[in-house]
N, C-alpha and C. Protein backbone atom coordinates (compact mmCIF):
# COMPACT_ATOMS: atom_id res chain seq x y z
N UNK A 1 36.06 32.98 -96.86
CA UNK A 1 36.82 33.33 -95.69
C UNK A 1 36.90 34.72 -96.18
N UNK A 2 36.80 35.71 -95.15
CA UNK A 2 37.69 36.93 -95.50
C UNK A 2 38.22 37.33 -94.34
N UNK A 3 38.65 38.86 -94.34
CA UNK A 3 40.13 39.56 -93.50
C UNK A 3 39.68 38.91 -91.84
N UNK A 4 37.97 39.85 -91.92
CA UNK A 4 37.12 39.47 -90.35
C UNK A 4 37.91 38.12 -89.83
N UNK A 5 37.74 37.25 -90.16
CA UNK A 5 37.43 35.79 -90.23
C UNK A 5 39.08 35.19 -89.50
N UNK A 6 40.11 35.66 -90.81
CA UNK A 6 41.10 35.71 -90.38
C UNK A 6 41.49 36.71 -88.82
N UNK A 7 40.75 37.56 -88.82
CA UNK A 7 41.08 38.40 -87.35
C UNK A 7 40.45 37.55 -85.87
N UNK A 8 39.69 37.59 -86.21
CA UNK A 8 38.82 36.53 -85.40
C UNK A 8 39.66 35.22 -84.78
N UNK A 9 39.97 34.68 -85.67
CA UNK A 9 40.62 33.76 -85.71
C UNK A 9 42.51 33.76 -84.87
N UNK A 10 42.95 35.21 -84.46
CA UNK A 10 43.97 35.21 -84.05
C UNK A 10 43.65 35.88 -82.74
N UNK A 11 41.91 36.82 -82.84
CA UNK A 11 41.64 36.69 -81.40
C UNK A 11 41.65 36.00 -80.90
N UNK A 12 41.11 34.48 -81.35
CA UNK A 12 41.48 33.21 -80.14
C UNK A 12 42.05 32.28 -80.27
N UNK A 13 43.35 32.61 -80.67
CA UNK A 13 44.39 32.43 -80.33
C UNK A 13 45.31 32.77 -78.99
N UNK A 14 44.96 34.11 -79.02
CA UNK A 14 45.17 35.14 -78.97
C UNK A 14 45.24 34.99 -76.58
N UNK A 15 43.94 34.36 -77.09
CA UNK A 15 42.77 33.89 -75.68
C UNK A 15 43.38 32.14 -75.23
N UNK A 16 44.14 31.48 -76.28
CA UNK A 16 44.47 30.45 -75.91
C UNK A 16 45.99 30.17 -74.95
N UNK A 17 45.90 28.98 -74.86
CA UNK A 17 47.07 28.73 -73.82
C UNK A 17 48.42 28.02 -75.08
N UNK A 18 47.87 27.77 -76.25
CA UNK A 18 49.22 27.68 -77.45
C UNK A 18 50.59 29.38 -76.95
N UNK A 19 51.52 28.92 -76.40
CA UNK A 19 52.41 29.67 -76.70
C UNK A 19 53.14 30.66 -77.98
N UNK A 20 52.83 30.18 -78.81
CA UNK A 20 53.05 30.78 -79.94
C UNK A 20 52.68 29.88 -81.38
N UNK A 21 52.24 30.99 -82.06
CA UNK A 21 50.79 30.51 -83.06
C UNK A 21 52.09 31.17 -84.26
N UNK A 22 52.50 30.28 -85.55
CA UNK A 22 53.04 30.81 -87.07
C UNK A 22 51.73 30.53 -87.83
N UNK A 23 51.62 31.79 -88.41
CA UNK A 23 50.55 31.86 -89.10
C UNK A 23 51.47 32.00 -90.64
N UNK A 24 51.45 31.97 -92.09
CA UNK A 24 51.56 32.13 -92.71
C UNK A 24 49.94 32.34 -94.04
N UNK A 25 50.46 33.81 -94.72
CA UNK A 25 49.66 34.04 -95.60
C UNK A 25 49.71 34.21 -96.70
N UNK A 26 49.72 33.69 -97.81
CA UNK A 26 50.31 33.33 -99.07
C UNK A 26 49.33 34.22 -100.51
N UNK A 27 50.02 35.24 -101.83
CA UNK A 27 49.31 35.64 -102.60
C UNK A 27 50.04 35.68 -103.67
N UNK A 28 49.25 36.41 -104.67
CA UNK A 28 50.25 36.35 -105.52
C UNK A 28 50.57 37.66 -105.56
N UNK A 29 50.77 38.00 -106.27
CA UNK A 29 51.64 39.42 -106.88
C UNK A 29 50.91 40.21 -107.07
N UNK A 30 50.45 41.74 -105.78
CA UNK A 30 48.89 42.49 -105.97
C UNK A 30 47.92 42.07 -105.50
N UNK A 31 48.04 40.55 -104.74
CA UNK A 31 46.72 39.88 -104.28
C UNK A 31 46.44 40.83 -103.21
N UNK A 32 46.93 41.52 -102.13
CA UNK A 32 46.48 42.10 -101.14
C UNK A 32 47.15 41.51 -99.93
N UNK A 33 47.84 41.30 -100.15
CA UNK A 33 48.68 40.55 -99.21
C UNK A 33 48.73 42.18 -97.42
N UNK A 34 49.27 43.28 -98.48
CA UNK A 34 49.13 44.27 -97.19
C UNK A 34 48.30 44.50 -96.97
N UNK A 35 46.87 44.54 -97.66
CA UNK A 35 46.13 45.04 -97.48
C UNK A 35 45.27 43.96 -96.44
N UNK A 36 45.44 42.82 -96.32
CA UNK A 36 45.44 41.79 -94.90
C UNK A 36 46.23 42.41 -93.68
N UNK A 37 47.50 42.68 -93.92
CA UNK A 37 48.44 42.69 -93.21
C UNK A 37 47.84 43.97 -91.78
N UNK A 38 47.71 45.00 -92.67
CA UNK A 38 47.08 46.26 -92.39
C UNK A 38 46.16 46.56 -91.86
N UNK A 39 44.69 44.99 -91.83
CA UNK A 39 43.97 44.68 -91.17
C UNK A 39 44.08 44.03 -90.09
N UNK A 40 45.43 43.06 -89.83
CA UNK A 40 45.87 42.71 -88.45
C UNK A 40 46.02 43.90 -87.66
N UNK A 41 47.17 44.78 -87.92
CA UNK A 41 48.03 46.20 -87.13
C UNK A 41 46.95 46.33 -86.61
N UNK A 42 45.84 47.17 -87.53
CA UNK A 42 44.67 47.50 -87.23
C UNK A 42 44.61 47.75 -85.75
N UNK A 43 43.82 46.36 -85.57
CA UNK A 43 42.95 45.14 -85.17
C UNK A 43 43.85 44.99 -83.03
N UNK A 44 45.22 44.59 -83.78
CA UNK A 44 46.30 44.07 -82.81
C UNK A 44 46.99 44.73 -82.50
N UNK A 45 47.87 44.80 -80.77
CA UNK A 45 49.23 45.54 -80.74
C UNK A 45 50.33 44.66 -81.23
N UNK A 46 51.28 44.94 -81.34
CA UNK A 46 52.77 44.04 -81.80
C UNK A 46 52.78 44.09 -80.77
N UNK A 47 52.78 43.83 -79.40
CA UNK A 47 53.03 42.96 -78.11
C UNK A 47 52.70 41.17 -78.53
N UNK A 48 51.63 41.45 -79.08
CA UNK A 48 50.72 40.35 -79.35
C UNK A 48 50.80 39.90 -80.61
N UNK A 49 51.41 40.61 -81.51
CA UNK A 49 50.96 40.05 -82.93
C UNK A 49 52.04 40.80 -83.90
N UNK A 50 52.85 39.33 -84.03
CA UNK A 50 54.61 39.94 -85.24
C UNK A 50 53.54 39.91 -86.67
N UNK A 51 54.49 40.83 -87.22
CA UNK A 51 53.99 40.32 -88.72
C UNK A 51 55.36 40.42 -88.94
N UNK A 52 55.73 39.49 -89.93
CA UNK A 52 57.05 39.56 -90.59
C UNK A 52 56.79 39.15 -92.48
N UNK A 53 56.92 40.00 -93.06
CA UNK A 53 56.87 39.26 -94.24
C UNK A 53 58.28 39.45 -95.50
N UNK A 54 58.57 38.03 -95.94
CA UNK A 54 59.31 37.43 -97.09
C UNK A 54 60.44 38.57 -97.73
N UNK A 55 59.41 39.51 -97.88
CA UNK A 55 60.29 40.93 -98.51
C UNK A 55 61.29 40.84 -97.94
N UNK A 56 61.27 40.86 -96.93
CA UNK A 56 62.96 41.49 -96.26
C UNK A 56 64.02 41.46 -96.65
N UNK A 57 63.83 39.28 -97.43
CA UNK A 57 65.12 38.75 -97.49
C UNK A 57 65.35 38.52 -99.05
N UNK A 58 64.61 39.83 -100.35
CA UNK A 58 65.06 39.93 -101.42
C UNK A 58 66.77 39.51 -101.60
N UNK A 59 67.59 39.00 -102.30
CA UNK A 59 68.73 39.17 -102.38
C UNK A 59 68.62 40.80 -102.74
N UNK A 60 69.87 41.62 -102.64
CA UNK A 60 70.22 42.88 -102.78
C UNK A 60 70.34 42.48 -104.57
N UNK A 61 70.12 43.71 -105.01
CA UNK A 61 70.21 44.49 -106.93
C UNK A 61 71.69 43.95 -106.93
N UNK A 62 72.21 44.36 -106.31
CA UNK A 62 74.00 44.20 -106.54
C UNK A 62 74.14 42.69 -106.94
N UNK A 63 73.77 41.56 -106.04
CA UNK A 63 73.84 39.97 -105.82
C UNK A 63 73.28 39.88 -107.02
N UNK A 64 72.18 39.97 -107.57
CA UNK A 64 70.90 39.80 -108.62
C UNK A 64 71.83 40.43 -109.47
N UNK A 65 72.02 41.48 -110.27
CA UNK A 65 73.08 41.67 -111.29
C UNK A 65 74.78 40.79 -111.32
N UNK A 66 75.12 40.35 -110.03
CA UNK A 66 75.91 39.56 -110.04
C UNK A 66 75.60 38.49 -110.73
N UNK A 67 74.64 37.70 -110.26
CA UNK A 67 74.33 36.66 -110.64
C UNK A 67 72.95 36.80 -112.20
N UNK A 68 73.31 37.73 -112.53
CA UNK A 68 72.34 37.79 -114.33
C UNK A 68 70.83 37.32 -113.18
N UNK A 69 70.07 38.34 -112.85
CA UNK A 69 68.80 38.34 -112.61
C UNK A 69 68.15 39.29 -111.66
N UNK A 70 69.38 40.22 -112.48
CA UNK A 70 68.26 42.00 -112.08
C UNK A 70 66.79 41.51 -112.04
N UNK A 71 66.50 41.62 -113.65
CA UNK A 71 65.56 42.20 -114.69
C UNK A 71 64.28 40.54 -113.67
N UNK A 72 64.43 39.73 -113.32
CA UNK A 72 63.43 38.52 -112.56
C UNK A 72 63.46 38.35 -110.93
N UNK A 73 63.72 40.12 -110.24
CA UNK A 73 63.52 40.40 -108.91
C UNK A 73 62.93 39.48 -108.46
N UNK A 74 62.04 38.96 -107.34
CA UNK A 74 61.30 38.54 -107.07
C UNK A 74 60.38 37.10 -107.26
N UNK A 75 61.04 36.20 -108.73
CA UNK A 75 61.22 35.58 -108.10
C UNK A 75 61.85 34.45 -107.62
N UNK A 76 61.95 32.95 -107.11
CA UNK A 76 61.84 32.07 -106.16
C UNK A 76 62.98 32.00 -105.84
N UNK A 77 63.40 31.95 -106.66
CA UNK A 77 65.47 31.67 -106.43
C UNK A 77 65.84 32.92 -106.81
N UNK A 78 65.88 34.79 -105.59
CA UNK A 78 65.71 35.79 -105.81
C UNK A 78 66.70 35.88 -104.45
N UNK A 79 66.03 34.96 -103.27
CA UNK A 79 66.01 35.25 -102.21
C UNK A 79 66.68 34.57 -101.61
N UNK A 80 67.57 35.22 -100.56
CA UNK A 80 67.97 34.58 -99.19
C UNK A 80 67.26 33.43 -98.75
N UNK A 81 66.90 33.42 -99.08
CA UNK A 81 65.98 31.61 -98.52
C UNK A 81 66.80 31.36 -97.31
N UNK A 82 68.06 30.55 -97.04
CA UNK A 82 68.45 30.24 -95.53
C UNK A 82 68.09 31.40 -95.29
N UNK A 83 68.79 32.68 -95.15
CA UNK A 83 68.41 33.44 -94.41
C UNK A 83 67.12 33.51 -93.54
N UNK A 84 65.70 33.54 -94.06
CA UNK A 84 64.71 33.57 -94.40
C UNK A 84 64.36 32.32 -93.14
N UNK A 85 64.56 31.19 -93.64
CA UNK A 85 64.47 29.87 -92.93
C UNK A 85 64.86 29.90 -91.49
N UNK A 86 66.77 30.61 -91.38
CA UNK A 86 66.90 30.23 -90.37
C UNK A 86 65.84 31.40 -89.21
N UNK A 87 65.51 32.90 -89.69
CA UNK A 87 64.96 33.34 -88.80
C UNK A 87 63.58 32.98 -88.08
N UNK A 88 62.91 32.03 -89.29
CA UNK A 88 61.23 31.40 -89.01
C UNK A 88 61.69 30.31 -87.94
N UNK A 89 62.72 29.56 -88.26
CA UNK A 89 62.86 28.68 -87.37
C UNK A 89 63.58 29.64 -85.57
N UNK A 90 64.04 30.53 -85.80
CA UNK A 90 64.41 30.66 -84.29
C UNK A 90 63.27 31.92 -83.43
N UNK A 91 62.36 32.02 -84.43
CA UNK A 91 60.78 33.00 -84.21
C UNK A 91 59.89 31.58 -83.62
N UNK A 92 59.43 30.49 -84.14
CA UNK A 92 59.18 29.56 -84.18
C UNK A 92 59.89 28.86 -82.66
N UNK A 93 61.36 28.30 -82.12
CA UNK A 93 61.48 28.17 -80.82
C UNK A 93 62.37 28.67 -80.51
N UNK A 94 62.70 29.81 -80.34
CA UNK A 94 62.65 30.46 -79.06
C UNK A 94 62.26 31.81 -78.68
N UNK A 95 61.30 31.77 -78.24
CA UNK A 95 59.56 32.26 -78.02
C UNK A 95 60.08 33.33 -76.76
N UNK A 96 61.77 32.78 -75.69
CA UNK A 96 61.97 33.61 -74.84
C UNK A 96 62.93 35.01 -75.17
N UNK A 97 62.91 34.96 -76.46
CA UNK A 97 64.12 35.88 -76.75
C UNK A 97 62.94 36.98 -77.27
N UNK A 98 63.86 38.13 -77.80
CA UNK A 98 63.16 38.75 -79.28
C UNK A 98 64.56 39.02 -80.33
N UNK A 99 63.47 38.76 -81.06
CA UNK A 99 64.38 38.36 -82.83
C UNK A 99 64.09 39.30 -84.11
N UNK A 100 65.05 40.32 -84.29
CA UNK A 100 65.25 41.36 -85.04
C UNK A 100 65.02 40.56 -86.42
N UNK A 101 64.40 41.38 -87.30
CA UNK A 101 64.48 40.92 -88.78
C UNK A 101 63.98 42.16 -90.03
N UNK A 102 64.72 42.00 -91.09
CA UNK A 102 65.36 42.75 -92.36
C UNK A 102 63.48 43.15 -93.47
N UNK A 103 63.52 44.40 -93.14
CA UNK A 103 62.89 44.88 -94.13
C UNK A 103 62.87 45.89 -94.88
N UNK A 104 61.90 44.75 -96.10
CA UNK A 104 62.13 45.42 -98.04
C UNK A 104 61.50 47.15 -97.48
N UNK A 105 61.78 48.09 -98.31
CA UNK A 105 61.98 49.34 -99.10
C UNK A 105 61.42 49.41 -100.38
N UNK A 106 59.95 49.93 -101.01
CA UNK A 106 59.83 49.22 -102.11
C UNK A 106 60.67 50.59 -103.02
N UNK A 107 60.41 52.39 -102.91
CA UNK A 107 61.08 53.10 -102.76
C UNK A 107 62.07 53.41 -103.15
N UNK A 108 63.49 52.54 -102.29
CA UNK A 108 64.96 51.53 -102.55
C UNK A 108 65.09 51.00 -103.22
N UNK A 109 64.28 49.94 -103.00
CA UNK A 109 64.23 49.12 -103.74
C UNK A 109 65.31 48.03 -103.02
N UNK A 110 65.66 48.07 -102.00
CA UNK A 110 66.61 47.43 -100.44
C UNK A 110 66.18 47.56 -99.36
N UNK A 111 66.20 46.40 -98.79
CA UNK A 111 66.05 46.10 -97.47
C UNK A 111 67.16 46.40 -96.28
N UNK A 112 66.86 46.67 -94.89
CA UNK A 112 67.33 47.38 -94.14
C UNK A 112 67.29 46.47 -93.02
N UNK A 113 68.22 46.16 -92.86
CA UNK A 113 68.18 44.64 -91.63
C UNK A 113 68.11 45.42 -90.36
N UNK A 114 67.57 44.08 -89.34
CA UNK A 114 67.31 44.29 -88.00
C UNK A 114 66.07 45.65 -87.86
N UNK A 115 65.53 45.95 -89.00
CA UNK A 115 64.52 46.93 -88.92
C UNK A 115 63.64 46.60 -88.01
N UNK A 116 63.21 45.12 -88.06
CA UNK A 116 61.52 44.84 -87.41
C UNK A 116 62.31 44.01 -86.59
N UNK A 117 60.93 43.64 -85.82
CA UNK A 117 61.06 42.70 -84.79
C UNK A 117 60.02 42.04 -84.01
N UNK A 118 60.46 41.21 -83.12
CA UNK A 118 59.45 40.21 -83.02
C UNK A 118 59.87 40.02 -81.25
N UNK A 119 58.90 40.36 -80.86
CA UNK A 119 59.05 40.42 -79.35
C UNK A 119 59.12 39.26 -78.63
N UNK A 120 59.64 39.13 -77.74
CA UNK A 120 59.89 37.50 -76.18
C UNK A 120 58.05 37.58 -75.76
N UNK A 121 57.98 35.79 -76.15
CA UNK A 121 56.65 35.62 -75.81
C UNK A 121 55.37 36.61 -76.82
N UNK A 122 55.53 37.09 -77.60
CA UNK A 122 54.63 36.90 -78.41
C UNK A 122 53.93 35.61 -79.15
N UNK A 123 51.98 36.12 -79.30
CA UNK A 123 51.10 35.04 -79.27
C UNK A 123 51.37 34.27 -80.82
N UNK A 124 51.13 35.08 -80.98
CA UNK A 124 50.67 35.20 -82.88
C UNK A 124 51.90 35.76 -83.60
N UNK A 125 52.31 35.16 -84.62
CA UNK A 125 53.23 35.95 -85.48
C UNK A 125 52.62 35.34 -87.00
N UNK A 126 52.59 36.18 -87.86
CA UNK A 126 51.62 35.91 -88.65
C UNK A 126 52.90 36.75 -89.84
N UNK A 127 53.41 35.37 -91.16
CA UNK A 127 54.11 35.37 -91.87
C UNK A 127 53.66 35.50 -93.19
N UNK A 128 53.93 37.12 -94.03
CA UNK A 128 53.25 36.84 -95.50
C UNK A 128 54.05 37.07 -96.50
N UNK A 129 54.11 36.05 -97.83
CA UNK A 129 54.91 36.07 -98.47
C UNK A 129 54.51 35.26 -99.99
N UNK A 130 55.25 35.29 -100.81
CA UNK A 130 54.95 34.21 -102.30
C UNK A 130 54.94 33.13 -101.92
N UNK A 131 55.96 32.83 -101.54
CA UNK A 131 56.74 31.52 -101.48
C UNK A 131 56.76 30.26 -100.06
N UNK A 132 56.12 30.59 -99.36
CA UNK A 132 56.17 30.23 -98.12
C UNK A 132 55.34 28.59 -98.56
N UNK A 133 54.43 28.31 -99.17
CA UNK A 133 54.41 26.89 -99.35
C UNK A 133 54.97 26.18 -100.50
N UNK A 134 56.05 26.41 -101.32
CA UNK A 134 56.85 26.06 -102.29
C UNK A 134 57.38 24.66 -101.89
N UNK A 135 58.23 24.15 -102.34
CA UNK A 135 58.51 22.75 -102.22
C UNK A 135 60.23 23.19 -103.30
N UNK A 136 60.20 24.40 -104.03
CA UNK A 136 61.20 23.85 -105.11
C UNK A 136 62.28 24.91 -104.74
N UNK A 137 62.83 25.49 -104.87
CA UNK A 137 63.85 26.32 -104.75
C UNK A 137 64.66 26.65 -103.54
N UNK A 138 64.40 25.51 -102.73
CA UNK A 138 65.00 25.92 -101.42
C UNK A 138 64.18 26.18 -100.23
N UNK A 139 62.74 26.53 -101.01
CA UNK A 139 61.67 26.77 -99.95
C UNK A 139 61.42 26.15 -99.08
N UNK A 140 61.59 23.90 -98.97
CA UNK A 140 60.70 23.24 -98.96
C UNK A 140 60.72 23.71 -97.08
N UNK A 141 61.74 23.99 -96.48
CA UNK A 141 61.85 23.60 -95.26
C UNK A 141 60.63 25.03 -94.43
N UNK A 142 60.33 26.02 -95.35
CA UNK A 142 59.21 26.92 -94.57
C UNK A 142 58.16 26.39 -93.92
N UNK A 143 57.05 25.81 -94.96
CA UNK A 143 56.13 25.26 -94.17
C UNK A 143 56.21 24.32 -93.43
N UNK A 144 56.67 23.74 -93.24
CA UNK A 144 56.59 22.70 -91.81
C UNK A 144 56.11 23.34 -91.14
N UNK A 145 57.10 24.78 -91.10
CA UNK A 145 57.15 25.60 -89.23
C UNK A 145 55.86 26.11 -89.51
N UNK A 146 55.25 25.85 -90.38
CA UNK A 146 53.59 26.75 -90.01
C UNK A 146 52.74 26.28 -89.73
N UNK A 147 51.85 26.82 -88.57
CA UNK A 147 50.71 26.42 -88.12
C UNK A 147 49.48 25.89 -88.36
N UNK A 148 49.52 27.65 -89.01
CA UNK A 148 48.57 27.74 -90.17
C UNK A 148 48.60 28.21 -91.52
N UNK A 149 48.02 27.90 -92.43
CA UNK A 149 48.09 28.39 -94.02
C UNK A 149 47.15 29.01 -94.35
N UNK A 150 47.27 30.26 -95.23
CA UNK A 150 46.37 30.73 -95.61
C UNK A 150 46.52 31.58 -96.98
N UNK A 151 45.61 31.31 -98.16
CA UNK A 151 45.78 31.71 -99.35
C UNK A 151 44.70 33.24 -99.65
N UNK A 152 45.06 33.88 -100.51
CA UNK A 152 44.73 35.03 -100.89
C UNK A 152 43.65 34.76 -101.87
N UNK A 153 42.77 35.03 -102.54
CA UNK A 153 42.57 34.77 -103.75
C UNK A 153 41.34 35.85 -103.74
N UNK A 154 41.89 36.19 -105.63
CA UNK A 154 40.96 38.04 -105.59
C UNK A 154 40.97 37.77 -107.42
N UNK A 155 40.74 38.20 -107.68
CA UNK A 155 40.16 38.63 -109.23
C UNK A 155 41.14 38.53 -110.11
N UNK A 156 41.96 37.81 -111.12
CA UNK A 156 43.30 38.78 -111.69
C UNK A 156 43.10 39.65 -112.08
N UNK A 157 41.95 40.49 -113.11
CA UNK A 157 42.89 41.63 -113.49
C UNK A 157 42.67 42.08 -113.08
N UNK A 158 41.81 42.67 -111.41
CA UNK A 158 41.60 43.34 -110.02
C UNK A 158 42.58 43.71 -109.35
N UNK A 159 43.67 42.19 -109.79
CA UNK A 159 44.90 42.36 -109.04
C UNK A 159 46.18 42.92 -109.98
N UNK A 160 46.23 42.46 -111.64
CA UNK A 160 47.08 43.26 -112.39
C UNK A 160 46.89 44.40 -112.51
N UNK A 161 45.59 45.26 -112.72
CA UNK A 161 45.56 46.36 -112.48
C UNK A 161 46.15 47.24 -110.96
N UNK A 162 46.39 46.40 -109.73
CA UNK A 162 46.89 46.75 -108.52
C UNK A 162 48.33 46.88 -108.54
N UNK A 163 48.70 45.90 -109.28
CA UNK A 163 50.36 45.50 -109.01
C UNK A 163 50.99 46.77 -110.30
N UNK A 164 50.28 47.29 -111.57
CA UNK A 164 51.06 48.32 -112.28
C UNK A 164 50.82 49.72 -111.27
N UNK A 165 49.73 49.65 -110.74
CA UNK A 165 49.90 50.84 -110.29
C UNK A 165 50.65 51.33 -109.28
N UNK A 166 50.72 49.70 -108.82
CA UNK A 166 52.11 49.89 -107.46
C UNK A 166 53.34 50.19 -108.38
N UNK A 167 53.83 49.69 -109.32
CA UNK A 167 54.76 50.15 -109.88
C UNK A 167 54.91 51.40 -110.63
N UNK A 168 53.99 51.83 -111.06
CA UNK A 168 53.97 53.50 -111.32
C UNK A 168 54.07 53.84 -109.89
N UNK A 169 53.97 53.80 -109.19
CA UNK A 169 54.05 54.99 -107.86
C UNK A 169 55.21 54.80 -106.80
N UNK A 170 55.96 53.50 -107.85
CA UNK A 170 57.84 53.41 -107.09
C UNK A 170 58.54 53.39 -108.53
N UNK A 171 57.91 54.26 -109.10
CA UNK A 171 58.91 55.09 -109.82
C UNK A 171 58.63 54.25 -111.62
N UNK A 172 58.47 52.97 -112.26
CA UNK A 172 58.57 52.38 -113.75
C UNK A 172 57.86 53.24 -114.70
N UNK A 173 57.53 53.88 -115.78
CA UNK A 173 56.41 54.07 -116.25
C UNK A 173 55.58 53.34 -116.37
N UNK A 174 53.78 54.36 -117.17
CA UNK A 174 52.77 53.45 -117.44
C UNK A 174 53.34 51.84 -118.25
N UNK A 175 54.25 52.05 -119.44
CA UNK A 175 54.75 50.78 -120.29
C UNK A 175 55.63 49.85 -119.78
N UNK A 176 56.55 50.56 -118.85
CA UNK A 176 57.70 49.62 -118.22
C UNK A 176 56.52 48.93 -117.07
N UNK A 177 55.92 49.56 -116.17
CA UNK A 177 54.98 48.70 -115.14
C UNK A 177 54.16 48.23 -115.39
N UNK A 178 53.10 48.41 -117.12
CA UNK A 178 53.10 46.91 -117.26
C UNK A 178 53.15 45.66 -118.31
N UNK A 179 54.88 46.57 -118.34
CA UNK A 179 55.88 44.98 -119.09
C UNK A 179 56.67 43.61 -117.91
N UNK A 180 56.61 44.91 -116.86
CA UNK A 180 57.31 43.76 -115.51
C UNK A 180 55.47 43.14 -115.17
N UNK A 181 54.46 43.88 -115.11
CA UNK A 181 53.42 43.48 -114.07
C UNK A 181 52.91 41.68 -115.14
N UNK A 182 52.98 42.89 -116.15
CA UNK A 182 51.96 40.92 -117.32
C UNK A 182 53.88 39.61 -117.26
N UNK A 183 54.69 40.07 -117.23
CA UNK A 183 56.35 39.44 -117.17
C UNK A 183 56.77 38.58 -116.69
N UNK A 184 57.24 39.44 -115.96
CA UNK A 184 57.98 38.79 -115.07
C UNK A 184 57.27 38.36 -113.31
N UNK A 185 56.74 39.68 -112.80
CA UNK A 185 55.55 39.49 -112.36
C UNK A 185 53.72 38.50 -111.77
N UNK A 186 53.91 38.21 -113.34
CA UNK A 186 52.60 37.12 -113.64
C UNK A 186 53.81 35.69 -113.32
N UNK A 187 54.88 35.44 -114.61
CA UNK A 187 55.83 33.96 -114.21
C UNK A 187 55.62 34.18 -112.81
N UNK A 188 55.57 34.86 -111.90
CA UNK A 188 55.74 34.45 -110.22
C UNK A 188 54.27 33.94 -109.90
N UNK A 189 53.47 34.33 -110.29
CA UNK A 189 51.78 34.32 -109.94
C UNK A 189 51.45 32.86 -110.38
N UNK A 190 52.02 32.72 -111.84
CA UNK A 190 51.64 31.06 -112.37
C UNK A 190 52.51 30.35 -110.82
N UNK A 191 53.41 30.25 -111.06
CA UNK A 191 54.22 29.42 -109.78
C UNK A 191 53.20 29.39 -108.74
N UNK A 192 52.90 30.86 -108.30
CA UNK A 192 52.66 30.71 -106.46
C UNK A 192 51.40 29.72 -106.42
N UNK A 193 50.07 30.28 -108.05
CA UNK A 193 49.33 29.54 -107.83
C UNK A 193 49.44 27.53 -107.26
N UNK A 194 50.50 27.68 -108.47
CA UNK A 194 50.82 26.11 -108.35
C UNK A 194 51.22 25.49 -106.40
N UNK A 195 50.90 26.02 -105.59
CA UNK A 195 51.03 25.82 -104.02
C UNK A 195 50.00 26.02 -103.92
N UNK A 196 49.15 26.70 -104.32
CA UNK A 196 47.47 27.05 -102.91
C UNK A 196 46.66 26.13 -102.46
N UNK A 197 47.05 24.78 -103.52
CA UNK A 197 46.34 24.27 -102.74
C UNK A 197 46.91 23.48 -101.37
N UNK A 198 48.11 24.01 -101.37
CA UNK A 198 48.61 23.86 -99.47
C UNK A 198 48.03 24.80 -98.51
N UNK A 199 46.82 25.04 -99.07
CA UNK A 199 46.97 26.52 -98.06
C UNK A 199 45.55 25.70 -97.31
N UNK A 200 45.41 25.82 -95.83
CA UNK A 200 44.33 25.01 -95.09
C UNK A 200 42.81 26.26 -95.41
N UNK A 201 43.52 26.83 -95.74
CA UNK A 201 41.69 28.17 -95.76
C UNK A 201 42.18 29.44 -96.66
N UNK A 202 41.11 30.00 -96.74
CA UNK A 202 40.94 30.64 -98.14
C UNK A 202 41.00 31.93 -97.81
N UNK A 203 41.16 33.25 -97.87
CA UNK A 203 40.68 34.93 -97.61
C UNK A 203 40.60 35.47 -99.10
N UNK A 204 39.34 35.62 -99.30
CA UNK A 204 38.45 36.65 -100.53
C UNK A 204 38.45 37.71 -100.68
N UNK A 205 39.48 38.49 -100.83
CA UNK A 205 39.22 40.40 -101.13
C UNK A 205 38.25 40.39 -102.51
């Protein structure tokens, strides 16, 4: 399936009677989750479709240093999973309220609190992240909150080159970018791949 089929599915949901639908999109690091989200944002208003990126719930660098996990930032145990689950639960169940959430900024390697918002009565919520389908590291409560599950497939070498380029863009040297992409990021990618079978639909990029 292509991104266009996801767009068509969202358009159909907006015409339907269900008051709110939660769509989870998972992909390995560099797979193109941002590309998919950008296309959705082009097609729909924020009143109709809200995007929630999981990345806003990274633990702070200070907390990761305290835990001895700074060099594995982005691993499944380096997020505020409890806070993220609380948000998704509220968004699913309390549709008559606005809900704010954190947004991660790569340029400062930190999240800004309450920068994103889901407006009351928004019909479609798209949640994108790496570990939405995982049953490990306390992530297991997320998947049951999703109405639809989509997984992005892409050639791994194309994905790797995109990832290296992105790390360089945000301040790593070419060697640091290569090492991080093929080290920490690839360890995360293998973990994510184990959860792909839970997806009901595939997006091919």
